[in-house]
Amino acid sequence: MHLSQVSGHKGVQVVARHGAVARVVSGAGSVYDLALAAVVAGRSLAQEVALRGLGAEVDLAQAAAEGRLLLPVSHPDPAHLHMTGTGLTHLGSASARDAMHAKLGQAEALTDSMKMFRMGLEGGRPVAGAVGAQPEWFYKGNGHAAVAPGAALLAPGFAEDGGEEPEVAGVYIAGPDGRVHRIGWALGNEFSDHVTERVNYLWLAHSKLRVASYGPEILVGDLPADIRGTSRIRRDGAVIWEKPFLSGEANMSHTIANLEHHHFKYDIFRQSGDLHVHFFGTATLSVADGIKTQAGDVFEIDSPTFGLPLINPLAFAPAQDGAQTVTAL
């Protein structure tokens, strides 16, 4: 089952898709409300949807063409949606990062990126119930930085770059008792500033504080071990770059369970009612192939596992004049 949200003449519609047929979930105001109700009742999402029943059929492709696709889940208070991620988690992901962070004069030594990647290879796949190596972790922002499918990814005026990162994201909700429940999985564009990151690895945190998009659909249930998709960039309607990407545990140096543990081990991420969208990393970046994006480019991330592709144009905010000032009270 796939879940999505679209805007209609009666407000937000929650849509459940089974195979090729998508229908409105009866009595559901949002995927957030649906998930929270399932948690409180001790039911699975599939059981909650079946209990409520399905109504009118929805043409999701038409909704996308009309710009009516919403984030597949959001929080009524955006400050309680947390977007985070882990890097250097995919087999092959270290090569591009290592080239970006190579230390001058130390070609014979392992960079910090390669050390982190090797830690994942050697200890990122513990047996069930055990704790493995800690991955790289970063914060992207809260729900104010979450961009709906089809909407523009806006790079700030001080940005050096705006680059796509095609990823799988886990979507989670913390229940009233502090236990974390996985809603499902979504395509994600973990939009970043790779030019800023390249200057110094310690600027990674700065480079990740950007907007991001996920969806349009959430895959409910198990994540296949082998995810295959395509990432592309269009400019003036023509494809200027295209490359396949791989994800899923068969293509990763960490297990999903290990990455989940190292995020949710922190009490602050188990606060009742909070939503989490956690990006699991990628090995495929256009910047690694020398692509310089520009305003108006369109990112497309596509995988049949997740249904509709995630499409977002790129935009840049006007450059800022002078320093940001703070006023004393």
C-alpha atoms as a PDB file:
ATOM      1  CA  MET A   1       0.000   0.000   0.000  1.00  0.00           C
ATOM      2  CA  HIS A   2       1.061   3.553  -0.778  1.00  0.00           C
ATOM      3  CA  LEU A   3      -0.268   6.659   1.000  1.00  0.00           C
ATOM      4  CA  SER A   4      -0.290  10.216  -0.305  1.00  0.00           C
ATOM      5  CA  GLN A   5      -2.034  13.523   0.254  1.00  0.00           C
ATOM      6  CA  VAL A   6      -3.626  15.729  -2.396  1.00  0.00           C
ATOM      7  CA  SER A   7      -5.485  18.999  -2.195  1.00  0.00           C
ATOM      8  CA  GLY A   8      -9.099  18.904  -3.346  1.00  0.00           C
ATOM      9  CA  HIS A   9     -12.145  21.147  -3.358  1.00  0.00           C
ATOM     10  CA  LYS A  10     -13.012  19.841   0.116  1.00  0.00           C
ATOM     11  CA  GLY A  11      -9.512  20.270   1.551  1.00  0.00           C
ATOM     12  CA  VAL A  12      -6.809  17.645   2.077  1.00  0.00           C
ATOM     13  CA  GLN A  13      -7.570  14.156   0.836  1.00  0.00           C
ATOM     14  CA  VAL A  14      -5.681  11.116   2.121  1.00  0.00           C
ATOM     15  CA  VAL A  15      -5.215   8.653  -0.715  1.00  0.00           C
ATOM     16  CA  ALA A  16      -4.391   4.951  -0.443  1.00  0.00           C
ATOM     17  CA  ARG A  17      -3.098   3.196  -3.542  1.00  0.00           C
ATOM     18  CA  HIS A  18      -3.185  -0.568  -3.968  1.00  0.00           C
ATOM     19  CA  GLY A  19      -1.545  -1.464  -7.256  1.00  0.00           C
ATOM     20  CA  ALA A  20      -2.754   0.904  -9.966  1.00  0.00           C
ATOM     21  CA  VAL A  21      -5.926   2.004  -8.169  1.00  0.00           C
ATOM     22  CA  ALA A  22      -5.855   4.964  -5.770  1.00  0.00           C
ATOM     23  CA  ARG A  23      -8.840   5.905  -3.611  1.00  0.00           C
ATOM     24  CA  VAL A  24      -9.643   8.436  -0.906  1.00  0.00           C
ATOM     25  CA  VAL A  25      -9.435   7.079   2.644  1.00  0.00           C
ATOM     26  CA  SER A  26     -12.787   7.762   4.294  1.00  0.00           C
ATOM     27  CA  GLY A  27     -12.815   9.879   7.448  1.00  0.00           C
ATOM     28  CA  ALA A  28      -9.094  10.725   7.340  1.00  0.00           C
ATOM     29  CA  GLY A  29      -8.153  14.387   7.591  1.00  0.00           C
ATOM     30  CA  SER A  30      -4.441  13.769   7.166  1.00  0.00           C
ATOM     31  CA  VAL A  31      -1.870  10.976   7.119  1.00  0.00           C
ATOM     32  CA  TYR A  32      -0.593  12.333  10.439  1.00  0.00           C
ATOM     33  CA  ASP A  33      -4.019  11.914  12.060  1.00  0.00           C
ATOM     34  CA  LEU A  34      -4.395   8.494  10.461  1.00  0.00           C
ATOM     35  CA  ALA A  35      -1.012   7.323  11.775  1.00  0.00           C
ATOM     36  CA  LEU A  36      -1.582   8.709  15.253  1.00  0.00           C
ATOM     37  CA  ALA A  37      -4.986   7.025  15.452  1.00  0.00           C
ATOM     38  CA  ALA A  38      -3.419   3.713  14.445  1.00  0.00           C
ATOM     39  CA  VAL A  39      -0.728   4.076  17.125  1.00  0.00           C
ATOM     40  CA  VAL A  40      -3.231   4.898  19.866  1.00  0.00           C
ATOM     41  CA  ALA A  41      -5.525   2.014  18.858  1.00  0.00           C
ATOM     42  CA  GLY A  42      -2.674  -0.477  18.535  1.00  0.00           C
ATOM     43  CA  ARG A  43      -3.429  -1.114  14.875  1.00  0.00           C
ATOM     44  CA  SER A  44      -1.234  -1.137  11.778  1.00  0.00           C
ATOM     45  CA  LEU A  45      -1.747   1.548   9.140  1.00  0.00           C
ATOM     46  CA  ALA A  46      -3.165  -1.056   6.770  1.00  0.00           C
ATOM     47  CA  GLN A  47      -5.680  -2.100   9.420  1.00  0.00           C
ATOM     48  CA  GLU A  48      -6.602   1.525  10.117  1.00  0.00           C
ATOM     49  CA  VAL A  49      -7.214   2.191   6.415  1.00  0.00           C
ATOM     50  CA  ALA A  50      -9.265  -0.992   6.046  1.00  0.00           C
ATOM     51  CA  LEU A  51     -11.356  -0.060   9.079  1.00  0.00           C
ATOM     52  CA  ARG A  52     -12.194   3.364   7.662  1.00  0.00           C
ATOM     53  CA  GLY A  53     -12.797   2.147   4.136  1.00  0.00           C
ATOM     54  CA  LEU A  54     -12.104   3.695   0.749  1.00  0.00           C
ATOM     55  CA  GLY A  55     -14.136   6.166  -1.273  1.00  0.00           C
ATOM     56  CA  ALA A  56     -13.789   7.861  -4.647  1.00  0.00           C
ATOM     57  CA  GLU A  57     -11.019   6.954  -7.036  1.00  0.00           C
ATOM     58  CA  VAL A  58      -8.216   9.509  -7.507  1.00  0.00           C
ATOM     59  CA  ASP A  59      -6.030  10.047 -10.585  1.00  0.00           C
ATOM     60  CA  LEU A  60      -2.680  10.765  -8.939  1.00  0.00           C
ATOM     61  CA  ALA A  61      -0.928  11.531 -12.227  1.00  0.00           C
ATOM     62  CA  GLN A  62      -3.547  14.161 -12.986  1.00  0.00           C
ATOM     63  CA  ALA A  63      -3.213  15.580  -9.482  1.00  0.00           C
ATOM     64  CA  ALA A  64       0.525  15.899 -10.083  1.00  0.00           C
ATOM     65  CA  ALA A  65      -0.045  17.641 -13.420  1.00  0.00           C
ATOM     66  CA  GLU A  66      -2.416  20.070 -11.711  1.00  0.00           C
ATOM     67  CA  GLY A  67       0.042  20.826  -8.910  1.00  0.00           C
ATOM     68  CA  ARG A  68      -2.212  19.336  -6.206  1.00  0.00           C
ATOM     69  CA  LEU A  69       0.278  16.916  -4.669  1.00  0.00           C
ATOM     70  CA  LEU A  70       1.130  17.688  -1.049  1.00  0.00           C
ATOM     71  CA  LEU A  71       3.820  16.307   1.207  1.00  0.00           C
ATOM     72  CA  PRO A  72       2.670  12.741   1.929  1.00  0.00           C
ATOM     73  CA  VAL A  73       2.750  13.529   5.660  1.00  0.00           C
ATOM     74  CA  SER A  74       3.259  16.739   7.608  1.00  0.00           C
ATOM     75  CA  HIS A  75       2.758  17.918  11.181  1.00  0.00           C
ATOM     76  CA  PRO A  76       0.094  20.509  12.129  1.00  0.00           C
ATOM     77  CA  ASP A  77       2.929  22.360  13.887  1.00  0.00           C
ATOM     78  CA  PRO A  78       5.921  22.371  11.460  1.00  0.00           C
ATOM     79  CA  ALA A  79       8.359  22.789  14.349  1.00  0.00           C
ATOM     80  CA  HIS A  80       7.498  19.220  15.405  1.00  0.00           C
ATOM     81  CA  LEU A  81       8.640  17.653  12.126  1.00  0.00           C
ATOM     82  CA  HIS A  82      12.365  16.891  12.157  1.00  0.00           C
ATOM     83  CA  MET A  83      14.375  16.298   8.964  1.00  0.00           C
ATOM     84  CA  THR A  84      17.706  14.557   9.527  1.00  0.00           C
ATOM     85  CA  GLY A  85      19.973  12.153   7.712  1.00  0.00           C
ATOM     86  CA  THR A  86      22.950   9.837   7.623  1.00  0.00           C
ATOM     87  CA  GLY A  87      25.742   9.853   5.036  1.00  0.00           C
ATOM     88  CA  LEU A  88      28.456   7.500   3.822  1.00  0.00           C
ATOM     89  CA  THR A  89      25.999   4.635   4.192  1.00  0.00           C
ATOM     90  CA  HIS A  90      25.941   3.238   0.676  1.00  0.00           C
ATOM     91  CA  LEU A  91      28.470   1.000  -1.048  1.00  0.00           C
ATOM     92  CA  GLY A  92      30.364   3.297  -3.375  1.00  0.00           C
ATOM     93  CA  SER A  93      29.252   6.471  -1.625  1.00  0.00           C
ATOM     94  CA  ALA A  94      32.682   7.218  -0.224  1.00  0.00           C
ATOM     95  CA  SER A  95      34.463   7.809  -3.547  1.00  0.00           C
ATOM     96  CA  ALA A  96      32.828  11.128  -4.447  1.00  0.00           C
ATOM     97  CA  ARG A  97      32.904  12.366  -0.861  1.00  0.00           C
ATOM     98  CA  ASP A  98      36.541  11.340  -0.440  1.00  0.00           C
ATOM     99  CA  ALA A  99      37.550  13.304  -3.525  1.00  0.00           C
ATOM    100  CA  MET A 100      35.779  16.339  -2.095  1.00  0.00           C
ATOM    101  CA  HIS A 101      37.502  16.048   1.286  1.00  0.00           C
ATOM    102  CA  ALA A 102      40.974  14.839   0.315  1.00  0.00           C
ATOM    103  CA  LYS A 103      43.649  16.316   2.563  1.00  0.00           C
ATOM    104  CA  LEU A 104      46.440  18.135   0.776  1.00  0.00           C
ATOM    105  CA  GLY A 105      49.812  16.511   1.313  1.00  0.00           C
ATOM    106  CA  GLN A 106      48.338  13.405   2.931  1.00  0.00           C
ATOM    107  CA  ALA A 107      47.451  11.307  -0.080  1.00  0.00           C
ATOM    108  CA  GLU A 108      48.717   8.187   1.650  1.00  0.00           C
ATOM    109  CA  ALA A 109      46.435   8.684   4.672  1.00  0.00           C
ATOM    110  CA  LEU A 110      42.772   7.858   4.959  1.00  0.00           C
ATOM    111  CA  THR A 111      40.530  10.913   4.958  1.00  0.00           C
ATOM    112  CA  ASP A 112      37.918  11.267   7.675  1.00  0.00           C
ATOM    113  CA  SER A 113      35.308  10.315   5.065  1.00  0.00           C
ATOM    114  CA  MET A 114      37.070   7.059   4.248  1.00  0.00           C
ATOM    115  CA  LYS A 115      37.563   6.294   7.939  1.00  0.00           C
ATOM    116  CA  MET A 116      33.847   6.778   8.557  1.00  0.00           C
ATOM    117  CA  PHE A 117      32.944   4.681   5.524  1.00  0.00           C
ATOM    118  CA  ARG A 118      35.261   1.888   6.643  1.00  0.00           C
ATOM    119  CA  MET A 119      33.681   1.916  10.114  1.00  0.00           C
ATOM    120  CA  GLY A 120      30.339   1.273   8.437  1.00  0.00           C
ATOM    121  CA  LEU A 121      31.719  -1.524   6.281  1.00  0.00           C
ATOM    122  CA  GLU A 122      33.275  -3.221   9.299  1.00  0.00           C
ATOM    123  CA  GLY A 123      30.594  -2.590  11.899  1.00  0.00           C
ATOM    124  CA  GLY A 124      27.449  -1.182  10.335  1.00  0.00           C
ATOM    125  CA  ARG A 125      25.595  -4.459   9.965  1.00  0.00           C
ATOM    126  CA  PRO A 126      25.306  -5.967  13.452  1.00  0.00           C
ATOM    127  CA  VAL A 127      23.185  -9.006  14.221  1.00  0.00           C
ATOM    128  CA  ALA A 128      19.559  -8.312  15.129  1.00  0.00           C
ATOM    129  CA  GLY A 129      19.274  -6.641  18.510  1.00  0.00           C
ATOM    130  CA  ALA A 130      22.925  -5.555  18.663  1.00  0.00           C
ATOM    131  CA  VAL A 131      24.312  -2.044  18.226  1.00  0.00           C
ATOM    132  CA  GLY A 132      26.661  -1.406  15.330  1.00  0.00           C
ATOM    133  CA  ALA A 133      28.998   1.378  14.278  1.00  0.00           C
ATOM    134  CA  GLN A 134      27.733   4.925  14.595  1.00  0.00           C
ATOM    135  CA  PRO A 135      27.178   6.605  11.204  1.00  0.00           C
ATOM    136  CA  GLU A 136      27.703  10.156  10.079  1.00  0.00           C
ATOM    137  CA  TRP A 137      24.601  12.142  11.134  1.00  0.00           C
ATOM    138  CA  PHE A 138      23.303  15.577  10.180  1.00  0.00           C
ATOM    139  CA  TYR A 139      20.364  17.898  10.755  1.00  0.00           C
ATOM    140  CA  LYS A 140      18.516  19.481   7.847  1.00  0.00           C
ATOM    141  CA  GLY A 141      15.742  21.426   9.503  1.00  0.00           C
ATOM    142  CA  ASN A 142      12.152  21.176  10.659  1.00  0.00           C
ATOM    143  CA  GLY A 143       8.844  21.206   8.825  1.00  0.00           C
ATOM    144  CA  HIS A 144       9.381  24.795   7.711  1.00  0.00           C
ATOM    145  CA  ALA A 145      12.110  23.438   5.400  1.00  0.00           C
ATOM    146  CA  ALA A 146       9.941  20.633   3.953  1.00  0.00           C
ATOM    147  CA  VAL A 147       8.977  21.337   0.326  1.00  0.00           C
ATOM    148  CA  ALA A 148       6.019  19.648  -1.353  1.00  0.00           C
ATOM    149  CA  PRO A 149       6.530  17.573  -4.506  1.00  0.00           C
ATOM    150  CA  GLY A 150       6.349  19.848  -7.528  1.00  0.00           C
ATOM    151  CA  ALA A 151       7.295  22.970  -5.558  1.00  0.00           C
ATOM    152  CA  ALA A 152      10.635  24.725  -5.954  1.00  0.00           C
ATOM    153  CA  LEU A 153      13.676  23.871  -3.877  1.00  0.00           C
ATOM    154  CA  LEU A 154      14.854  27.350  -2.916  1.00  0.00           C
ATOM    155  CA  ALA A 155      18.560  27.779  -2.233  1.00  0.00           C
ATOM    156  CA  PRO A 156      19.394  30.731   0.034  1.00  0.00           C
ATOM    157  CA  GLY A 157      20.996  33.846  -1.396  1.00  0.00           C
ATOM    158  CA  PHE A 158      24.368  32.996   0.199  1.00  0.00           C
ATOM    159  CA  ALA A 159      24.445  29.463  -1.254  1.00  0.00           C
ATOM    160  CA  GLU A 160      27.342  28.403  -3.443  1.00  0.00           C
ATOM    161  CA  ASP A 161      25.408  25.544  -5.025  1.00  0.00           C
ATOM    162  CA  GLY A 162      22.094  23.729  -5.067  1.00  0.00           C
ATOM    163  CA  GLY A 163      22.487  20.031  -5.738  1.00  0.00           C
ATOM    164  CA  GLU A 164      20.170  17.034  -5.639  1.00  0.00           C
ATOM    165  CA  GLU A 165      20.650  13.927  -3.508  1.00  0.00           C
ATOM    166  CA  PRO A 166      18.363  11.027  -4.493  1.00  0.00           C
ATOM    167  CA  GLU A 167      17.627   9.025  -1.366  1.00  0.00           C
ATOM    168  CA  VAL A 168      15.215   6.793   0.456  1.00  0.00           C
ATOM    169  CA  ALA A 169      13.755   8.430   3.559  1.00  0.00           C
ATOM    170  CA  GLY A 170      12.187   6.722   6.546  1.00  0.00           C
ATOM    171  CA  VAL A 171       9.072   8.417   7.931  1.00  0.00           C
ATOM    172  CA  TYR A 172       8.321   8.014  11.649  1.00  0.00           C
ATOM    173  CA  ILE A 173       5.962   9.142  14.389  1.00  0.00           C
ATOM    174  CA  ALA A 174       6.599   9.017  18.140  1.00  0.00           C
ATOM    175  CA  GLY A 175       3.647   7.653  20.082  1.00  0.00           C
ATOM    176  CA  PRO A 176       2.230   8.931  23.378  1.00  0.00           C
ATOM    177  CA  ASP A 177       4.415   6.473  25.281  1.00  0.00           C
ATOM    178  CA  GLY A 178       7.593   7.635  23.557  1.00  0.00           C
ATOM    179  CA  ARG A 179       7.883   4.545  21.374  1.00  0.00           C
ATOM    180  CA  VAL A 180       8.746   5.232  17.746  1.00  0.00           C
ATOM    181  CA  HIS A 181       6.600   3.839  14.930  1.00  0.00           C
ATOM    182  CA  ARG A 182       7.594   3.738  11.274  1.00  0.00           C
ATOM    183  CA  ILE A 183       4.891   5.079   8.980  1.00  0.00           C
ATOM    184  CA  GLY A 184       6.766   3.969   5.881  1.00  0.00           C
ATOM    185  CA  TRP A 185       9.303   4.931   3.237  1.00  0.00           C
ATOM    186  CA  ALA A 186       9.471   7.685   0.644  1.00  0.00           C
ATOM    187  CA  LEU A 187      11.675   8.987  -2.118  1.00  0.00           C
ATOM    188  CA  GLY A 188      13.635  11.999  -0.948  1.00  0.00           C
ATOM    189  CA  ASN A 189      15.635  14.820  -2.454  1.00  0.00           C
ATOM    190  CA  GLU A 190      18.061  15.688   0.324  1.00  0.00           C
ATOM    191  CA  PHE A 191      18.990  18.972  -1.349  1.00  0.00           C
ATOM    192  CA  SER A 192      22.470  20.211  -0.319  1.00  0.00           C
ATOM    193  CA  ASP A 193      25.238  22.716  -1.076  1.00  0.00           C
ATOM    194  CA  HIS A 194      28.135  20.549  -2.229  1.00  0.00           C
ATOM    195  CA  VAL A 195      30.411  23.457  -3.143  1.00  0.00           C
ATOM    196  CA  THR A 196      30.272  24.740   0.430  1.00  0.00           C
ATOM    197  CA  GLU A 197      30.865  21.220   1.745  1.00  0.00           C
ATOM    198  CA  ARG A 198      33.885  20.827  -0.509  1.00  0.00           C
ATOM    199  CA  VAL A 199      35.684  23.806   1.069  1.00  0.00           C
ATOM    200  CA  ASN A 200      36.032  22.057   4.414  1.00  0.00           C
ATOM    201  CA  TYR A 201      34.398  18.937   5.793  1.00  0.00           C
ATOM    202  CA  LEU A 202      33.566  20.850   8.971  1.00  0.00           C
ATOM    203  CA  TRP A 203      31.177  22.923   6.851  1.00  0.00           C
ATOM    204  CA  LEU A 204      29.069  19.831   6.184  1.00  0.00           C
ATOM    205  CA  ALA A 205      26.586  21.041   8.818  1.00  0.00           C
ATOM    206  CA  HIS A 206      26.207  24.348   6.976  1.00  0.00           C
ATOM    207  CA  SER A 207      25.801  22.634   3.615  1.00  0.00           C
ATOM    208  CA  LYS A 208      22.946  20.483   4.905  1.00  0.00           C
ATOM    209  CA  LEU A 209      20.852  23.339   6.337  1.00  0.00           C
ATOM    210  CA  ARG A 210      18.720  23.557   3.226  1.00  0.00           C
ATOM    211  CA  VAL A 211      15.170  22.729   2.257  1.00  0.00           C
ATOM    212  CA  ALA A 212      14.333  19.185   1.158  1.00  0.00           C
ATOM    213  CA  SER A 213      11.460  17.317  -0.440  1.00  0.00           C
ATOM    214  CA  TYR A 214      10.037  13.823  -0.022  1.00  0.00           C
ATOM    215  CA  GLY A 215       7.209  11.815  -1.520  1.00  0.00           C
ATOM    216  CA  PRO A 216       4.877  12.076  -3.327  1.00  0.00           C
ATOM    217  CA  GLU A 217       3.889   8.645  -1.962  1.00  0.00           C
ATOM    218  CA  ILE A 218       4.790   6.710   1.167  1.00  0.00           C
ATOM    219  CA  LEU A 219       5.405   2.983   0.803  1.00  0.00           C
ATOM    220  CA  VAL A 220       3.801   1.277   3.805  1.00  0.00           C
ATOM    221  CA  GLY A 221       5.312  -2.035   4.893  1.00  0.00           C
ATOM    222  CA  ASP A 222       8.715  -3.577   4.329  1.00  0.00           C
ATOM    223  CA  LEU A 223      11.410  -1.829   2.314  1.00  0.00           C
ATOM    224  CA  PRO A 224      12.766  -4.061  -0.475  1.00  0.00           C
ATOM    225  CA  ALA A 225      16.432  -4.926  -0.002  1.00  0.00           C
ATOM    226  CA  ASP A 226      17.325  -3.767  -3.512  1.00  0.00           C
ATOM    227  CA  ILE A 227      15.988  -0.353  -4.585  1.00  0.00           C
ATOM    228  CA  ARG A 228      16.723   0.842  -8.107  1.00  0.00           C
ATOM    229  CA  GLY A 229      15.879   4.188  -9.553  1.00  0.00           C
ATOM    230  CA  THR A 230      16.995   7.031 -11.783  1.00  0.00           C
ATOM    231  CA  SER A 231      18.076  10.559 -10.927  1.00  0.00           C
ATOM    232  CA  ARG A 232      18.023  13.161 -13.682  1.00  0.00           C
ATOM    233  CA  ILE A 233      18.228  16.893 -14.262  1.00  0.00           C
ATOM    234  CA  ARG A 234      16.297  18.691 -16.986  1.00  0.00           C
ATOM    235  CA  ARG A 235      17.221  22.118 -18.309  1.00  0.00           C
ATOM    236  CA  ASP A 236      14.835  23.872 -20.663  1.00  0.00           C
ATOM    237  CA  GLY A 237      13.014  20.560 -21.075  1.00  0.00           C
ATOM    238  CA  ALA A 238      16.096  18.547 -22.104  1.00  0.00           C
ATOM    239  CA  VAL A 239      17.874  15.995 -19.917  1.00  0.00           C
ATOM    240  CA  ILE A 240      21.381  17.311 -19.179  1.00  0.00           C
ATOM    241  CA  TRP A 241      22.344  14.580 -16.714  1.00  0.00           C
ATOM    242  CA  GLU A 242      20.915  11.172 -15.835  1.00  0.00           C
ATOM    243  CA  LYS A 243      22.226   8.320 -13.754  1.00  0.00           C
ATOM    244  CA  PRO A 244      20.836   5.220 -12.015  1.00  0.00           C
ATOM    245  CA  PHE A 245      20.941   5.085  -8.237  1.00  0.00           C
ATOM    246  CA  LEU A 246      20.797   2.151  -5.846  1.00  0.00           C
ATOM    247  CA  SER A 247      19.505   1.939  -2.296  1.00  0.00           C
ATOM    248  CA  GLY A 248      18.101  -0.631   0.102  1.00  0.00           C
ATOM    249  CA  GLU A 249      20.114  -2.760   2.493  1.00  0.00           C
ATOM    250  CA  ALA A 250      21.608  -4.888  -0.295  1.00  0.00           C
ATOM    251  CA  ASN A 251      23.438  -1.757  -1.445  1.00  0.00           C
ATOM    252  CA  MET A 252      24.295  -0.270   1.944  1.00  0.00           C
ATOM    253  CA  SER A 253      27.110  -0.582   4.456  1.00  0.00           C
ATOM    254  CA  HIS A 254      24.681  -0.173   7.370  1.00  0.00           C
ATOM    255  CA  THR A 255      21.432  -1.898   8.183  1.00  0.00           C
ATOM    256  CA  ILE A 256      18.346   0.275   8.412  1.00  0.00           C
ATOM    257  CA  ALA A 257      17.871  -0.894  12.003  1.00  0.00           C
ATOM    258  CA  ASN A 258      21.350   0.322  12.923  1.00  0.00           C
ATOM    259  CA  LEU A 259      20.740   3.744  11.382  1.00  0.00           C
ATOM    260  CA  GLU A 260      17.374   3.993  13.119  1.00  0.00           C
ATOM    261  CA  HIS A 261      18.938   3.099  16.465  1.00  0.00           C
ATOM    262  CA  HIS A 262      21.594   5.789  16.207  1.00  0.00           C
ATOM    263  CA  HIS A 263      18.954   8.432  15.533  1.00  0.00           C
ATOM    264  CA  PHE A 264      16.267   7.429  17.991  1.00  0.00           C
ATOM    265  CA  LYS A 265      18.680   6.603  20.823  1.00  0.00           C
ATOM    266  CA  TYR A 266      18.440  10.296  21.687  1.00  0.00           C
ATOM    267  CA  ASP A 267      15.556  11.122  24.012  1.00  0.00           C
ATOM    268  CA  ILE A 268      14.879  14.386  22.185  1.00  0.00           C
ATOM    269  CA  PHE A 269      13.829  12.401  19.109  1.00  0.00           C
ATOM    270  CA  ARG A 270      11.243  10.342  20.983  1.00  0.00           C
ATOM    271  CA  GLN A 271       8.909  13.158  22.018  1.00  0.00           C
ATOM    272  CA  SER A 272       5.218  12.240  21.809  1.00  0.00           C
ATOM    273  CA  GLY A 273       3.551  13.232  18.561  1.00  0.00           C
ATOM    274  CA  ASP A 274       6.690  14.352  16.732  1.00  0.00           C
ATOM    275  CA  LEU A 275       7.261  13.377  13.101  1.00  0.00           C
ATOM    276  CA  HIS A 276      10.655  12.420  11.677  1.00  0.00           C
ATOM    277  CA  VAL A 277      11.816  12.226   8.071  1.00  0.00           C
ATOM    278  CA  HIS A 278      15.270  10.612   8.059  1.00  0.00           C
ATOM    279  CA  PHE A 279      17.286  10.454   4.838  1.00  0.00           C
ATOM    280  CA  PHE A 280      19.433   7.335   4.500  1.00  0.00           C
ATOM    281  CA  GLY A 281      22.087   8.569   2.065  1.00  0.00           C
ATOM    282  CA  THR A 282      23.079   8.090  -1.544  1.00  0.00           C
ATOM    283  CA  ALA A 283      26.017   7.152  -3.762  1.00  0.00           C
ATOM    284  CA  THR A 284      24.854   9.193  -6.774  1.00  0.00           C
ATOM    285  CA  LEU A 285      25.442  12.934  -7.164  1.00  0.00           C
ATOM    286  CA  SER A 286      25.479  15.065 -10.315  1.00  0.00           C
ATOM    287  CA  VAL A 287      28.124  17.331  -8.770  1.00  0.00           C
ATOM    288  CA  ALA A 288      30.517  14.357  -8.766  1.00  0.00           C
ATOM    289  CA  ASP A 289      30.215  14.374 -12.570  1.00  0.00           C
ATOM    290  CA  GLY A 290      30.996  18.077 -12.831  1.00  0.00           C
ATOM    291  CA  ILE A 291      27.406  19.306 -13.208  1.00  0.00           C
ATOM    292  CA  LYS A 292      26.783  22.900 -12.113  1.00  0.00           C
ATOM    293  CA  THR A 293      23.078  23.434 -11.529  1.00  0.00           C
ATOM    294  CA  GLN A 294      21.298  26.696 -12.231  1.00  0.00           C
ATOM    295  CA  ALA A 295      17.947  28.278 -11.503  1.00  0.00           C
ATOM    296  CA  GLY A 296      15.155  26.665 -13.518  1.00  0.00           C
ATOM    297  CA  ASP A 297      16.742  23.210 -13.608  1.00  0.00           C
ATOM    298  CA  VAL A 298      14.299  20.459 -12.697  1.00  0.00           C
ATOM    299  CA  PHE A 299      15.289  17.511 -10.510  1.00  0.00           C
ATOM    300  CA  GLU A 300      13.536  14.196 -11.126  1.00  0.00           C
ATOM    301  CA  ILE A 301      13.994  11.220  -8.803  1.00  0.00           C
ATOM    302  CA  ASP A 302      12.182   8.134  -9.976  1.00  0.00           C
ATOM    303  CA  SER A 303      11.857   4.569  -8.685  1.00  0.00           C
ATOM    304  CA  PRO A 304       8.973   2.207  -9.500  1.00  0.00           C
ATOM    305  CA  THR A 305       9.079   0.967  -5.890  1.00  0.00           C
ATOM    306  CA  PHE A 306       7.603   4.269  -4.731  1.00  0.00           C
ATOM    307  CA  GLY A 307       5.099   5.062  -7.468  1.00  0.00           C
ATOM    308  CA  LEU A 308       5.057   8.644  -8.724  1.00  0.00           C
ATOM    309  CA  PRO A 309       8.441  10.339  -9.246  1.00  0.00           C
ATOM    310  CA  LEU A 310       9.606  13.164  -7.011  1.00  0.00           C
ATOM    311  CA  ILE A 311       9.977  16.285  -9.161  1.00  0.00           C
ATOM    312  CA  ASN A 312      11.144  19.705  -7.984  1.00  0.00           C
ATOM    313  CA  PRO A 313      12.503  22.727  -9.865  1.00  0.00           C
ATOM    314  CA  LEU A 314      15.492  24.655  -8.527  1.00  0.00           C
ATOM    315  CA  ALA A 315      15.375  28.325  -7.553  1.00  0.00           C
ATOM    316  CA  PHE A 316      17.770  30.721  -5.834  1.00  0.00           C
ATOM    317  CA  ALA A 317      16.782  33.452  -3.418  1.00  0.00           C
ATOM    318  CA  PRO A 318      18.218  36.937  -4.029  1.00  0.00           C
ATOM    319  CA  ALA A 319      21.688  37.527  -2.641  1.00  0.00           C
ATOM    320  CA  GLN A 320      21.771  39.092   0.799  1.00  0.00           C
ATOM    321  CA  ASP A 321      23.371  42.484   1.393  1.00  0.00           C
ATOM    322  CA  GLY A 322      25.485  42.788   4.514  1.00  0.00           C
ATOM    323  CA  ALA A 323      25.477  40.765   7.703  1.00  0.00           C
ATOM    324  CA  GLN A 324      22.465  39.372   9.496  1.00  0.00           C
ATOM    325  CA  THR A 325      21.929  41.562  12.530  1.00  0.00           C
ATOM    326  CA  VAL A 326      20.404  40.733  15.895  1.00  0.00           C
ATOM    327  CA  THR A 327      18.518  43.304  17.935  1.00  0.00           C
ATOM    328  CA  ALA A 328      18.825  43.339  21.699  1.00  0.00           C
ATOM    329  CA  LEU A 329      15.585  43.463  23.706  1.00  0.00           C
END
